[in-house]
């Protein structure tokens, strides 16, 4: 299970830092770093909202797009036997390999 939290519509991954005995949140999909720390979930939400606000304000001041853009394309290298099995699974479900992959990846991501 991936430990995620959504703050003001932006996802962050949450980890535990045993060196400082605190949880760390790091926003995903930003054109820069924005992290935050707290002892509990309530504190993470509060500190995350502050960190995100500061990041977005700094981007606006500097004229920087705060969120990464994506082309919608990526290359995936897999073993030939997996390629064959995936192609068969896609055909069996009546989908193109691309549509089957999109559907499967979307289901895993959400």
PDB file of N, CA and C in Angstrom:
ATOM      1  N   UNK A   1       0.836  -1.181   0.000  1.00  0.00           N
ATOM      2  CA  UNK A   1       0.000   0.000   0.000  1.00  0.00           C
ATOM      3  C   UNK A   1       0.880   1.243   0.000  1.00  0.00           C
ATOM      4  N   UNK A   2       0.539   2.172  -0.871  1.00  0.00           N
ATOM      5  CA  UNK A   2       1.267   3.441  -0.929  1.00  0.00           C
ATOM      6  C   UNK A   2       0.567   4.418   0.006  1.00  0.00           C
ATOM      7  N   UNK A   3       1.340   5.041   0.856  1.00  0.00           N
ATOM      8  CA  UNK A   3       0.781   6.009   1.792  1.00  0.00           C
ATOM      9  C   UNK A   3       0.690   7.363   1.112  1.00  0.00           C
ATOM     10  N   UNK A   4      -0.534   7.717   0.735  1.00  0.00           N
ATOM     11  CA  UNK A   4      -0.774   8.980   0.057  1.00  0.00           C
ATOM     12  C   UNK A   4      -1.792   9.806   0.816  1.00  0.00           C
ATOM     13  N   UNK A   5      -1.704  11.092   0.597  1.00  0.00           N
ATOM     14  CA  UNK A   5      -2.656  12.033   1.170  1.00  0.00           C
ATOM     15  C   UNK A   5      -2.920  13.087   0.097  1.00  0.00           C
ATOM     16  N   UNK A   6      -4.159  13.482  -0.064  1.00  0.00           N
ATOM     17  CA  UNK A   6      -4.492  14.543  -1.009  1.00  0.00           C
ATOM     18  C   UNK A   6      -4.810  15.806  -0.227  1.00  0.00           C
ATOM     19  N   UNK A   7      -4.101  16.861  -0.552  1.00  0.00           N
ATOM     20  CA  UNK A   7      -4.273  18.148   0.124  1.00  0.00           C
ATOM     21  C   UNK A   7      -4.573  19.187  -0.946  1.00  0.00           C
ATOM     22  N   UNK A   8      -5.718  19.817  -0.840  1.00  0.00           N
ATOM     23  CA  UNK A   8      -6.156  20.818  -1.819  1.00  0.00           C
ATOM     24  C   UNK A   8      -6.048  20.291  -3.247  1.00  0.00           C
ATOM     25  N   UNK A   9      -6.397  19.026  -3.439  1.00  0.00           N
ATOM     26  CA  UNK A   9      -6.419  18.420  -4.758  1.00  0.00           C
ATOM     27  C   UNK A   9      -5.085  17.917  -5.277  1.00  0.00           C
ATOM     28  N   UNK A  10      -4.030  18.036  -4.496  1.00  0.00           N
ATOM     29  CA  UNK A  10      -2.701  17.606  -4.925  1.00  0.00           C
ATOM     30  C   UNK A  10      -2.263  16.426  -4.057  1.00  0.00           C
ATOM     31  N   UNK A  11      -1.801  15.356  -4.703  1.00  0.00           N
ATOM     32  CA  UNK A  11      -1.382  14.161  -3.973  1.00  0.00           C
ATOM     33  C   UNK A  11       0.016  14.333  -3.406  1.00  0.00           C
ATOM     34  N   UNK A  12       0.200  13.749  -2.237  1.00  0.00           N
ATOM     35  CA  UNK A  12       1.509  13.725  -1.590  1.00  0.00           C
ATOM     36  C   UNK A  12       1.746  12.309  -1.089  1.00  0.00           C
ATOM     37  N   UNK A  13       2.984  11.877  -1.137  1.00  0.00           N
ATOM     38  CA  UNK A  13       3.345  10.584  -0.575  1.00  0.00           C
ATOM     39  C   UNK A  13       3.849  10.840   0.851  1.00  0.00           C
ATOM     40  N   UNK A  14       3.443   9.966   1.754  1.00  0.00           N
ATOM     41  CA  UNK A  14       3.780  10.134   3.169  1.00  0.00           C
ATOM     42  C   UNK A  14       4.720   9.023   3.607  1.00  0.00           C
ATOM     43  N   UNK A  15       5.808   9.395   4.256  1.00  0.00           N
ATOM     44  CA  UNK A  15       6.757   8.427   4.805  1.00  0.00           C
ATOM     45  C   UNK A  15       7.029   8.795   6.264  1.00  0.00           C
ATOM     46  N   UNK A  16       7.647   7.862   6.971  1.00  0.00           N
ATOM     47  CA  UNK A  16       8.015   8.112   8.367  1.00  0.00           C
ATOM     48  C   UNK A  16       9.520   8.269   8.447  1.00  0.00           C
ATOM     49  N   UNK A  17       9.984   9.338   9.082  1.00  0.00           N
ATOM     50  CA  UNK A  17      11.407   9.593   9.267  1.00  0.00           C
ATOM     51  C   UNK A  17      11.759   9.285  10.717  1.00  0.00           C
ATOM     52  N   UNK A  18      12.371   8.130  10.934  1.00  0.00           N
ATOM     53  CA  UNK A  18      12.669   7.699  12.310  1.00  0.00           C
ATOM     54  C   UNK A  18      13.754   8.549  12.960  1.00  0.00           C
ATOM     55  N   UNK A  19      14.596   9.215  12.165  1.00  0.00           N
ATOM     56  CA  UNK A  19      15.647  10.058  12.736  1.00  0.00           C
ATOM     57  C   UNK A  19      15.073  11.237  13.506  1.00  0.00           C
ATOM     58  N   UNK A  20      13.943  11.758  13.058  1.00  0.00           N
ATOM     59  CA  UNK A  20      13.351  12.913  13.728  1.00  0.00           C
ATOM     60  C   UNK A  20      11.992  12.579  14.341  1.00  0.00           C
ATOM     61  N   UNK A  21      11.575  11.309  14.226  1.00  0.00           N
ATOM     62  CA  UNK A  21      10.320  10.831  14.806  1.00  0.00           C
ATOM     63  C   UNK A  21       9.120  11.653  14.314  1.00  0.00           C
ATOM     64  N   UNK A  22       9.095  11.877  12.991  1.00  0.00           N
ATOM     65  CA  UNK A  22       8.000  12.630  12.380  1.00  0.00           C
ATOM     66  C   UNK A  22       7.637  12.006  11.033  1.00  0.00           C
ATOM     67  N   UNK A  23       6.429  12.311  10.586  1.00  0.00           N
ATOM     68  CA  UNK A  23       6.003  11.913   9.253  1.00  0.00           C
ATOM     69  C   UNK A  23       6.399  13.019   8.280  1.00  0.00           C
ATOM     70  N   UNK A  24       6.770  12.592   7.064  1.00  0.00           N
ATOM     71  CA  UNK A  24       7.167  13.542   6.016  1.00  0.00           C
ATOM     72  C   UNK A  24       6.226  13.381   4.839  1.00  0.00           C
ATOM     73  N   UNK A  25       5.733  14.486   4.342  1.00  0.00           N
ATOM     74  CA  UNK A  25       4.921  14.483   3.140  1.00  0.00           C
ATOM     75  C   UNK A  25       5.672  15.181   2.033  1.00  0.00           C
ATOM     76  N   UNK A  26       5.543  14.642   0.824  1.00  0.00           N
ATOM     77  CA  UNK A  26       6.172  15.261  -0.336  1.00  0.00           C
ATOM     78  C   UNK A  26       5.152  15.273  -1.469  1.00  0.00           C
ATOM     79  N   UNK A  27       4.838  16.461  -1.970  1.00  0.00           N
ATOM     80  CA  UNK A  27       3.874  16.589  -3.050  1.00  0.00           C
ATOM     81  C   UNK A  27       4.433  16.000  -4.333  1.00  0.00           C
ATOM     82  N   UNK A  28       3.538  15.408  -5.119  1.00  0.00           N
ATOM     83  CA  UNK A  28       3.906  14.760  -6.373  1.00  0.00           C
ATOM     84  C   UNK A  28       3.399  15.581  -7.551  1.00  0.00           C
ATOM     85  N   UNK A  29       4.128  15.528  -8.662  1.00  0.00           N
ATOM     86  CA  UNK A  29       3.685  16.180  -9.893  1.00  0.00           C
ATOM     87  C   UNK A  29       3.933  17.671  -9.951  1.00  0.00           C
ATOM     88  N   UNK A  30       4.804  18.170  -9.083  1.00  0.00           N
ATOM     89  CA  UNK A  30       5.108  19.600  -9.087  1.00  0.00           C
ATOM     90  C   UNK A  30       6.422  19.866  -9.816  1.00  0.00           C
ATOM     91  N   UNK A  31       6.579  21.063 -10.324  1.00  0.00           N
ATOM     92  CA  UNK A  31       7.830  21.492 -10.950  1.00  0.00           C
ATOM     93  C   UNK A  31       8.792  22.034  -9.897  1.00  0.00           C
ATOM     94  N   UNK A  32       9.016  21.284  -8.889  1.00  0.00           N
ATOM     95  CA  UNK A  32       9.894  21.680  -7.795  1.00  0.00           C
ATOM     96  C   UNK A  32       9.526  20.889  -6.560  1.00  0.00           C
ATOM     97  N   UNK A  33      10.242  21.125  -5.505  1.00  0.00           N
ATOM     98  CA  UNK A  33      10.011  20.393  -4.276  1.00  0.00           C
ATOM     99  C   UNK A  33       9.140  21.163  -3.299  1.00  0.00           C
ATOM    100  N   UNK A  34       8.219  20.450  -2.709  1.00  0.00           N
ATOM    101  CA  UNK A  34       7.389  21.023  -1.647  1.00  0.00           C
ATOM    102  C   UNK A  34       7.110  19.891  -0.666  1.00  0.00           C
ATOM    103  N   UNK A  35       7.782  19.934   0.471  1.00  0.00           N
ATOM    104  CA  UNK A  35       7.565  18.886   1.458  1.00  0.00           C
ATOM    105  C   UNK A  35       7.140  19.499   2.782  1.00  0.00           C
ATOM    106  N   UNK A  36       6.737  18.633   3.704  1.00  0.00           N
ATOM    107  CA  UNK A  36       6.209  19.095   4.981  1.00  0.00           C
ATOM    108  C   UNK A  36       6.332  17.983   6.003  1.00  0.00           C
ATOM    109  N   UNK A  37       6.371  18.350   7.281  1.00  0.00           N
ATOM    110  CA  UNK A  37       6.579  17.399   8.367  1.00  0.00           C
ATOM    111  C   UNK A  37       5.551  17.630   9.474  1.00  0.00           C
ATOM    112  N   UNK A  38       5.183  16.548  10.144  1.00  0.00           N
ATOM    113  CA  UNK A  38       4.300  16.660  11.305  1.00  0.00           C
ATOM    114  C   UNK A  38       4.316  15.339  12.075  1.00  0.00           C
ATOM    115  N   UNK A  39       3.774  15.388  13.277  1.00  0.00           N
ATOM    116  CA  UNK A  39       3.715  14.209  14.151  1.00  0.00           C
ATOM    117  C   UNK A  39       2.515  13.320  13.873  1.00  0.00           C
ATOM    118  N   UNK A  40       1.461  13.881  13.232  1.00  0.00           N
ATOM    119  CA  UNK A  40       0.232  13.103  13.024  1.00  0.00           C
ATOM    120  C   UNK A  40      -0.473  13.556  11.751  1.00  0.00           C
ATOM    121  N   UNK A  41      -1.545  12.858  11.395  1.00  0.00           N
ATOM    122  CA  UNK A  41      -2.269  13.131  10.153  1.00  0.00           C
ATOM    123  C   UNK A  41      -2.841  14.544  10.130  1.00  0.00           C
ATOM    124  N   UNK A  42      -3.399  14.980  11.239  1.00  0.00           N
ATOM    125  CA  UNK A  42      -3.966  16.338  11.294  1.00  0.00           C
ATOM    126  C   UNK A  42      -2.881  17.381  11.041  1.00  0.00           C
ATOM    127  N   UNK A  43      -1.724  17.186  11.661  1.00  0.00           N
ATOM    128  CA  UNK A  43      -0.606  18.097  11.458  1.00  0.00           C
ATOM    129  C   UNK A  43      -0.102  18.062  10.022  1.00  0.00           C
ATOM    130  N   UNK A  44      -0.088  16.853   9.424  1.00  0.00           N
ATOM    131  CA  UNK A  44       0.328  16.745   8.026  1.00  0.00           C
ATOM    132  C   UNK A  44      -0.597  17.541   7.118  1.00  0.00           C
ATOM    133  N   UNK A  45      -1.908  17.433   7.344  1.00  0.00           N
ATOM    134  CA  UNK A  45      -2.857  18.187   6.521  1.00  0.00           C
ATOM    135  C   UNK A  45      -2.630  19.701   6.664  1.00  0.00           C
ATOM    136  N   UNK A  46      -2.442  20.138   7.890  1.00  0.00           N
ATOM    137  CA  UNK A  46      -2.236  21.566   8.157  1.00  0.00           C
ATOM    138  C   UNK A  46      -0.921  22.052   7.530  1.00  0.00           C
ATOM    139  N   UNK A  47       0.158  21.350   7.818  1.00  0.00           N
ATOM    140  CA  UNK A  47       1.473  21.760   7.308  1.00  0.00           C
ATOM    141  C   UNK A  47       1.552  21.605   5.788  1.00  0.00           C
ATOM    142  N   UNK A  48       0.884  20.582   5.252  1.00  0.00           N
ATOM    143  CA  UNK A  48       0.858  20.378   3.807  1.00  0.00           C
ATOM    144  C   UNK A  48       0.167  21.524   3.103  1.00  0.00           C
ATOM    145  N   UNK A  49      -0.952  21.977   3.650  1.00  0.00           N
ATOM    146  CA  UNK A  49      -1.689  23.095   3.048  1.00  0.00           C
ATOM    147  C   UNK A  49      -0.823  24.357   3.040  1.00  0.00           C
ATOM    148  N   UNK A  50      -0.087  24.579   4.114  1.00  0.00           N
ATOM    149  CA  UNK A  50       0.798  25.745   4.188  1.00  0.00           C
ATOM    150  C   UNK A  50       1.920  25.623   3.164  1.00  0.00           C
ATOM    151  N   UNK A  51       2.565  24.447   3.112  1.00  0.00           N
ATOM    152  CA  UNK A  51       3.671  24.225   2.188  1.00  0.00           C
ATOM    153  C   UNK A  51       3.225  24.398   0.742  1.00  0.00           C
ATOM    154  N   UNK A  52       2.068  23.835   0.401  1.00  0.00           N
ATOM    155  CA  UNK A  52       1.558  23.948  -0.966  1.00  0.00           C
ATOM    156  C   UNK A  52       1.243  25.397  -1.310  1.00  0.00           C
ATOM    157  N   UNK A  53       0.629  26.114  -0.384  1.00  0.00           N
ATOM    158  CA  UNK A  53       0.292  27.525  -0.616  1.00  0.00           C
ATOM    159  C   UNK A  53       1.556  28.341  -0.873  1.00  0.00           C
ATOM    160  N   UNK A  54       2.575  28.139  -0.064  1.00  0.00           N
ATOM    161  CA  UNK A  54       3.836  28.870  -0.233  1.00  0.00           C
ATOM    162  C   UNK A  54       4.465  28.529  -1.580  1.00  0.00           C
ATOM    163  N   UNK A  55       4.457  27.246  -1.948  1.00  0.00           N
ATOM    164  CA  UNK A  55       5.024  26.820  -3.231  1.00  0.00           C
ATOM    165  C   UNK A  55       4.286  27.472  -4.400  1.00  0.00           C
ATOM    166  N   UNK A  56       2.953  27.427  -4.371  1.00  0.00           N
ATOM    167  CA  UNK A  56       2.154  27.998  -5.456  1.00  0.00           C
ATOM    168  C   UNK A  56       2.346  29.509  -5.557  1.00  0.00           C
ATOM    169  N   UNK A  57       2.431  30.182  -4.417  1.00  0.00           N
ATOM    170  CA  UNK A  57       2.669  31.630  -4.428  1.00  0.00           C
ATOM    171  C   UNK A  57       4.037  31.957  -5.018  1.00  0.00           C
ATOM    172  N   UNK A  58       5.061  31.172  -4.650  1.00  0.00           N
ATOM    173  CA  UNK A  58       6.407  31.405  -5.187  1.00  0.00           C
ATOM    174  C   UNK A  58       6.433  31.188  -6.702  1.00  0.00           C
ATOM    175  N   UNK A  59       5.727  30.167  -7.170  1.00  0.00           N
ATOM    176  CA  UNK A  59       5.652  29.920  -8.615  1.00  0.00           C
ATOM    177  C   UNK A  59       4.978  31.083  -9.330  1.00  0.00           C
ATOM    178  N   UNK A  60       3.917  31.596  -8.734  1.00  0.00           N
ATOM    179  CA  UNK A  60       3.198  32.714  -9.347  1.00  0.00           C
ATOM    180  C   UNK A  60       4.095  33.953  -9.406  1.00  0.00           C
ATOM    181  N   UNK A  61       4.800  34.223  -8.326  1.00  0.00           N
ATOM    182  CA  UNK A  61       5.701  35.380  -8.287  1.00  0.00           C
ATOM    183  C   UNK A  61       6.805  35.276  -9.328  1.00  0.00           C
ATOM    184  N   UNK A  62       7.306  34.041  -9.546  1.00  0.00           N
ATOM    185  CA  UNK A  62       8.418  33.821 -10.481  1.00  0.00           C
ATOM    186  C   UNK A  62       7.960  33.504 -11.895  1.00  0.00           C
ATOM    187  N   UNK A  63       6.640  33.441 -12.109  1.00  0.00           N
ATOM    188  CA  UNK A  63       6.117  33.141 -13.429  1.00  0.00           C
ATOM    189  C   UNK A  63       6.390  31.716 -13.884  1.00  0.00           C
ATOM    190  N   UNK A  64       6.392  30.788 -12.945  1.00  0.00           N
ATOM    191  CA  UNK A  64       6.681  29.378 -13.237  1.00  0.00           C
ATOM    192  C   UNK A  64       5.387  28.570 -13.142  1.00  0.00           C
ATOM    193  N   UNK A  65       5.185  27.676 -14.098  1.00  0.00           N
ATOM    194  CA  UNK A  65       4.049  26.750 -14.039  1.00  0.00           C
ATOM    195  C   UNK A  65       4.312  25.780 -12.886  1.00  0.00           C
ATOM    196  N   UNK A  66       3.421  25.717 -11.899  1.00  0.00           N
ATOM    197  CA  UNK A  66       3.696  24.893 -10.718  1.00  0.00           C
ATOM    198  C   UNK A  66       3.591  23.382 -10.943  1.00  0.00           C
ATOM    199  N   UNK A  67       2.803  22.962 -11.932  1.00  0.00           N
ATOM    200  CA  UNK A  67       2.578  21.533 -12.139  1.00  0.00           C
ATOM    201  C   UNK A  67       3.302  21.044 -13.383  1.00  0.00           C
ATOM    202  N   UNK A  68       3.889  19.860 -13.287  1.00  0.00           N
ATOM    203  CA  UNK A  68       4.545  19.243 -14.434  1.00  0.00           C
ATOM    204  C   UNK A  68       3.520  18.987 -15.525  1.00  0.00           C
ATOM    205  N   UNK A  69       3.978  19.055 -16.765  1.00  0.00           N
ATOM    206  CA  UNK A  69       3.106  18.687 -17.877  1.00  0.00           C
ATOM    207  C   UNK A  69       3.582  17.336 -18.405  1.00  0.00           C
ATOM    208  N   UNK A  70       2.649  16.582 -18.945  1.00  0.00           N
ATOM    209  CA  UNK A  70       2.947  15.244 -19.438  1.00  0.00           C
ATOM    210  C   UNK A  70       2.464  15.125 -20.878  1.00  0.00           C
ATOM    211  N   UNK A  71       3.243  14.432 -21.705  1.00  0.00           N
ATOM    212  CA  UNK A  71       2.922  14.296 -23.130  1.00  0.00           C
ATOM    213  C   UNK A  71       1.828  13.265 -23.389  1.00  0.00           C
ATOM    214  N   UNK A  72       1.648  12.345 -22.468  1.00  0.00           N
ATOM    215  CA  UNK A  72       0.694  11.266 -22.697  1.00  0.00           C
ATOM    216  C   UNK A  72       1.335  10.062 -23.364  1.00  0.00           C
ATOM    217  N   UNK A  73       2.651  10.079 -23.499  1.00  0.00           N
ATOM    218  CA  UNK A  73       3.376   8.967 -24.107  1.00  0.00           C
ATOM    219  C   UNK A  73       4.509   8.545 -23.180  1.00  0.00           C
ATOM    220  N   UNK A  74       4.746   7.225 -23.126  1.00  0.00           N
ATOM    221  CA  UNK A  74       5.933   6.719 -22.462  1.00  0.00           C
ATOM    222  C   UNK A  74       6.282   5.358 -23.038  1.00  0.00           C
ATOM    223  N   UNK A  75       7.555   5.011 -22.995  1.00  0.00           N
ATOM    224  CA  UNK A  75       8.036   3.742 -23.537  1.00  0.00           C
ATOM    225  C   UNK A  75       8.135   2.748 -22.388  1.00  0.00           C
ATOM    226  N   UNK A  76       7.671   1.551 -22.654  1.00  0.00           N
ATOM    227  CA  UNK A  76       7.696   0.499 -21.648  1.00  0.00           C
ATOM    228  C   UNK A  76       8.433  -0.698 -22.226  1.00  0.00           C
ATOM    229  N   UNK A  77       9.490  -1.119 -21.563  1.00  0.00           N
ATOM    230  CA  UNK A  77      10.247  -2.286 -22.019  1.00  0.00           C
ATOM    231  C   UNK A  77       9.912  -3.457 -21.104  1.00  0.00           C
ATOM    232  N   UNK A  78       9.469  -4.548 -21.717  1.00  0.00           N
ATOM    233  CA  UNK A  78       9.093  -5.733 -20.946  1.00  0.00           C
ATOM    234  C   UNK A  78       9.649  -6.977 -21.632  1.00  0.00           C
ATOM    235  N   UNK A  79       9.800  -8.066 -20.894  1.00  0.00           N
ATOM    236  CA  UNK A  79      10.266  -9.308 -21.510  1.00  0.00           C
ATOM    237  C   UNK A  79       9.278  -9.776 -22.582  1.00  0.00           C
ATOM    238  N   UNK A  80       9.778 -10.400 -23.653  1.00  0.00           N
ATOM    239  CA  UNK A  80       8.912 -10.857 -24.748  1.00  0.00           C
ATOM    240  C   UNK A  80       7.762 -11.765 -24.280  1.00  0.00           C
ATOM    241  N   UNK A  81       8.008 -12.621 -23.317  1.00  0.00           N
ATOM    242  CA  UNK A  81       6.935 -13.514 -22.846  1.00  0.00           C
ATOM    243  C   UNK A  81       5.816 -12.725 -22.158  1.00  0.00           C
ATOM    244  N   UNK A  82       6.164 -11.637 -21.464  1.00  0.00           N
ATOM    245  CA  UNK A  82       5.137 -10.777 -20.868  1.00  0.00           C
ATOM    246  C   UNK A  82       4.373 -10.032 -21.956  1.00  0.00           C
ATOM    247  N   UNK A  83       5.086  -9.584 -22.973  1.00  0.00           N
ATOM    248  CA  UNK A  83       4.456  -8.888 -24.101  1.00  0.00           C
ATOM    249  C   UNK A  83       3.413  -9.795 -24.751  1.00  0.00           C
ATOM    250  N   UNK A  84       3.775 -11.048 -24.948  1.00  0.00           N
ATOM    251  CA  UNK A  84       2.845 -12.006 -25.552  1.00  0.00           C
ATOM    252  C   UNK A  84       1.620 -12.214 -24.666  1.00  0.00           C
ATOM    253  N   UNK A  85       1.848 -12.423 -23.382  1.00  0.00           N
ATOM    254  CA  UNK A  85       0.733 -12.666 -22.453  1.00  0.00           C
ATOM    255  C   UNK A  85      -0.186 -11.449 -22.359  1.00  0.00           C
ATOM    256  N   UNK A  86       0.397 -10.271 -22.349  1.00  0.00           N
ATOM    257  CA  UNK A  86      -0.396  -9.039 -22.266  1.00  0.00           C
ATOM    258  C   UNK A  86      -1.197  -8.839 -23.551  1.00  0.00           C
ATOM    259  N   UNK A  87      -0.586  -9.101 -24.690  1.00  0.00           N
ATOM    260  CA  UNK A  87      -1.298  -8.985 -25.968  1.00  0.00           C
ATOM    261  C   UNK A  87      -2.485  -9.938 -26.028  1.00  0.00           C
ATOM    262  N   UNK A  88      -2.294 -11.148 -25.531  1.00  0.00           N
ATOM    263  CA  UNK A  88      -3.382 -12.126 -25.495  1.00  0.00           C
ATOM    264  C   UNK A  88      -4.493 -11.659 -24.560  1.00  0.00           C
ATOM    265  N   UNK A  89      -4.123 -11.141 -23.393  1.00  0.00           N
ATOM    266  CA  UNK A  89      -5.128 -10.644 -22.439  1.00  0.00           C
ATOM    267  C   UNK A  89      -5.923  -9.493 -23.044  1.00  0.00           C
ATOM    268  N   UNK A  90      -5.243  -8.614 -23.761  1.00  0.00           N
ATOM    269  CA  UNK A  90      -5.922  -7.477 -24.403  1.00  0.00           C
ATOM    270  C   UNK A  90      -6.893  -7.975 -25.465  1.00  0.00           C
ATOM    271  N   UNK A  91      -6.435  -8.867 -26.318  1.00  0.00           N
ATOM    272  CA  UNK A  91      -7.296  -9.419 -27.372  1.00  0.00           C
ATOM    273  C   UNK A  91      -8.493 -10.144 -26.782  1.00  0.00           C
ATOM    274  N   UNK A  92      -8.256 -10.905 -25.723  1.00  0.00           N
ATOM    275  CA  UNK A  92      -9.339 -11.664 -25.092  1.00  0.00           C
ATOM    276  C   UNK A  92     -10.399 -10.750 -24.497  1.00  0.00           C
ATOM    277  N   UNK A  93      -9.998  -9.544 -24.116  1.00  0.00           N
ATOM    278  CA  UNK A  93     -10.968  -8.605 -23.545  1.00  0.00           C
ATOM    279  C   UNK A  93     -11.561  -7.693 -24.621  1.00  0.00           C
ATOM    280  N   UNK A  94     -11.177  -7.911 -25.880  1.00  0.00           N
ATOM    281  CA  UNK A  94     -11.723  -7.117 -26.979  1.00  0.00           C
ATOM    282  C   UNK A  94     -11.145  -5.725 -27.079  1.00  0.00           C
ATOM    283  N   UNK A  95      -9.943  -5.542 -26.569  1.00  0.00           N
ATOM    284  CA  UNK A  95      -9.318  -4.219 -26.569  1.00  0.00           C
ATOM    285  C   UNK A  95      -7.995  -4.260 -27.313  1.00  0.00           C
ATOM    286  N   UNK A  96      -7.581  -3.089 -27.783  1.00  0.00           N
ATOM    287  CA  UNK A  96      -6.230  -2.974 -28.329  1.00  0.00           C
ATOM    288  C   UNK A  96      -5.253  -3.072 -27.162  1.00  0.00           C
ATOM    289  N   UNK A  97      -4.012  -3.382 -27.484  1.00  0.00           N
ATOM    290  CA  UNK A  97      -2.994  -3.449 -26.440  1.00  0.00           C
ATOM    291  C   UNK A  97      -2.891  -2.111 -25.710  1.00  0.00           C
ATOM    292  N   UNK A  98      -2.925  -1.013 -26.464  1.00  0.00           N
ATOM    293  CA  UNK A  98      -2.835   0.312 -25.857  1.00  0.00           C
ATOM    294  C   UNK A  98      -4.002   0.573 -24.907  1.00  0.00           C
ATOM    295  N   UNK A  99      -5.238   0.302 -25.358  1.00  0.00           N
ATOM    296  CA  UNK A  99      -6.401   0.571 -24.508  1.00  0.00           C
ATOM    297  C   UNK A  99      -6.401  -0.315 -23.274  1.00  0.00           C
ATOM    298  N   UNK A 100      -6.007  -1.576 -23.444  1.00  0.00           N
ATOM    299  CA  UNK A 100      -5.930  -2.490 -22.300  1.00  0.00           C
ATOM    300  C   UNK A 100      -4.916  -1.964 -21.279  1.00  0.00           C
ATOM    301  N   UNK A 101      -3.748  -1.514 -21.763  1.00  0.00           N
ATOM    302  CA  UNK A 101      -2.711  -0.983 -20.870  1.00  0.00           C
ATOM    303  C   UNK A 101      -3.196   0.271 -20.158  1.00  0.00           C
ATOM    304  N   UNK A 102      -3.841   1.177 -20.910  1.00  0.00           N
ATOM    305  CA  UNK A 102      -4.376   2.402 -20.294  1.00  0.00           C
ATOM    306  C   UNK A 102      -5.368   2.053 -19.193  1.00  0.00           C
ATOM    307  N   UNK A 103      -6.308   1.176 -19.490  1.00  0.00           N
ATOM    308  CA  UNK A 103      -7.315   0.793 -18.504  1.00  0.00           C
ATOM    309  C   UNK A 103      -6.693   0.147 -17.282  1.00  0.00           C
ATOM    310  N   UNK A 104      -5.730  -0.736 -17.492  1.00  0.00           N
ATOM    311  CA  UNK A 104      -5.082  -1.448 -16.391  1.00  0.00           C
ATOM    312  C   UNK A 104      -4.255  -0.493 -15.529  1.00  0.00           C
ATOM    313  N   UNK A 105      -3.500   0.391 -16.182  1.00  0.00           N
ATOM    314  CA  UNK A 105      -2.702   1.357 -15.440  1.00  0.00           C
ATOM    315  C   UNK A 105      -3.571   2.345 -14.684  1.00  0.00           C
ATOM    316  N   UNK A 106      -4.662   2.795 -15.313  1.00  0.00           N
ATOM    317  CA  UNK A 106      -5.579   3.730 -14.663  1.00  0.00           C
ATOM    318  C   UNK A 106      -6.171   3.086 -13.408  1.00  0.00           C
ATOM    319  N   UNK A 107      -6.578   1.831 -13.523  1.00  0.00           N
ATOM    320  CA  UNK A 107      -7.160   1.123 -12.373  1.00  0.00           C
ATOM    321  C   UNK A 107      -6.141   1.027 -11.232  1.00  0.00           C
ATOM    322  N   UNK A 108      -4.884   0.770 -11.570  1.00  0.00           N
ATOM    323  CA  UNK A 108      -3.840   0.675 -10.545  1.00  0.00           C
ATOM    324  C   UNK A 108      -3.520   2.021  -9.897  1.00  0.00           C
ATOM    325  N   UNK A 109      -3.638   3.098 -10.676  1.00  0.00           N
ATOM    326  CA  UNK A 109      -3.273   4.432 -10.176  1.00  0.00           C
ATOM    327  C   UNK A 109      -4.332   5.053  -9.293  1.00  0.00           C
ATOM    328  N   UNK A 110      -5.590   4.683  -9.517  1.00  0.00           N
ATOM    329  CA  UNK A 110      -6.658   5.307  -8.754  1.00  0.00           C
ATOM    330  C   UNK A 110      -7.237   4.311  -7.810  1.00  0.00           C
TER     331      UNK A 110
END
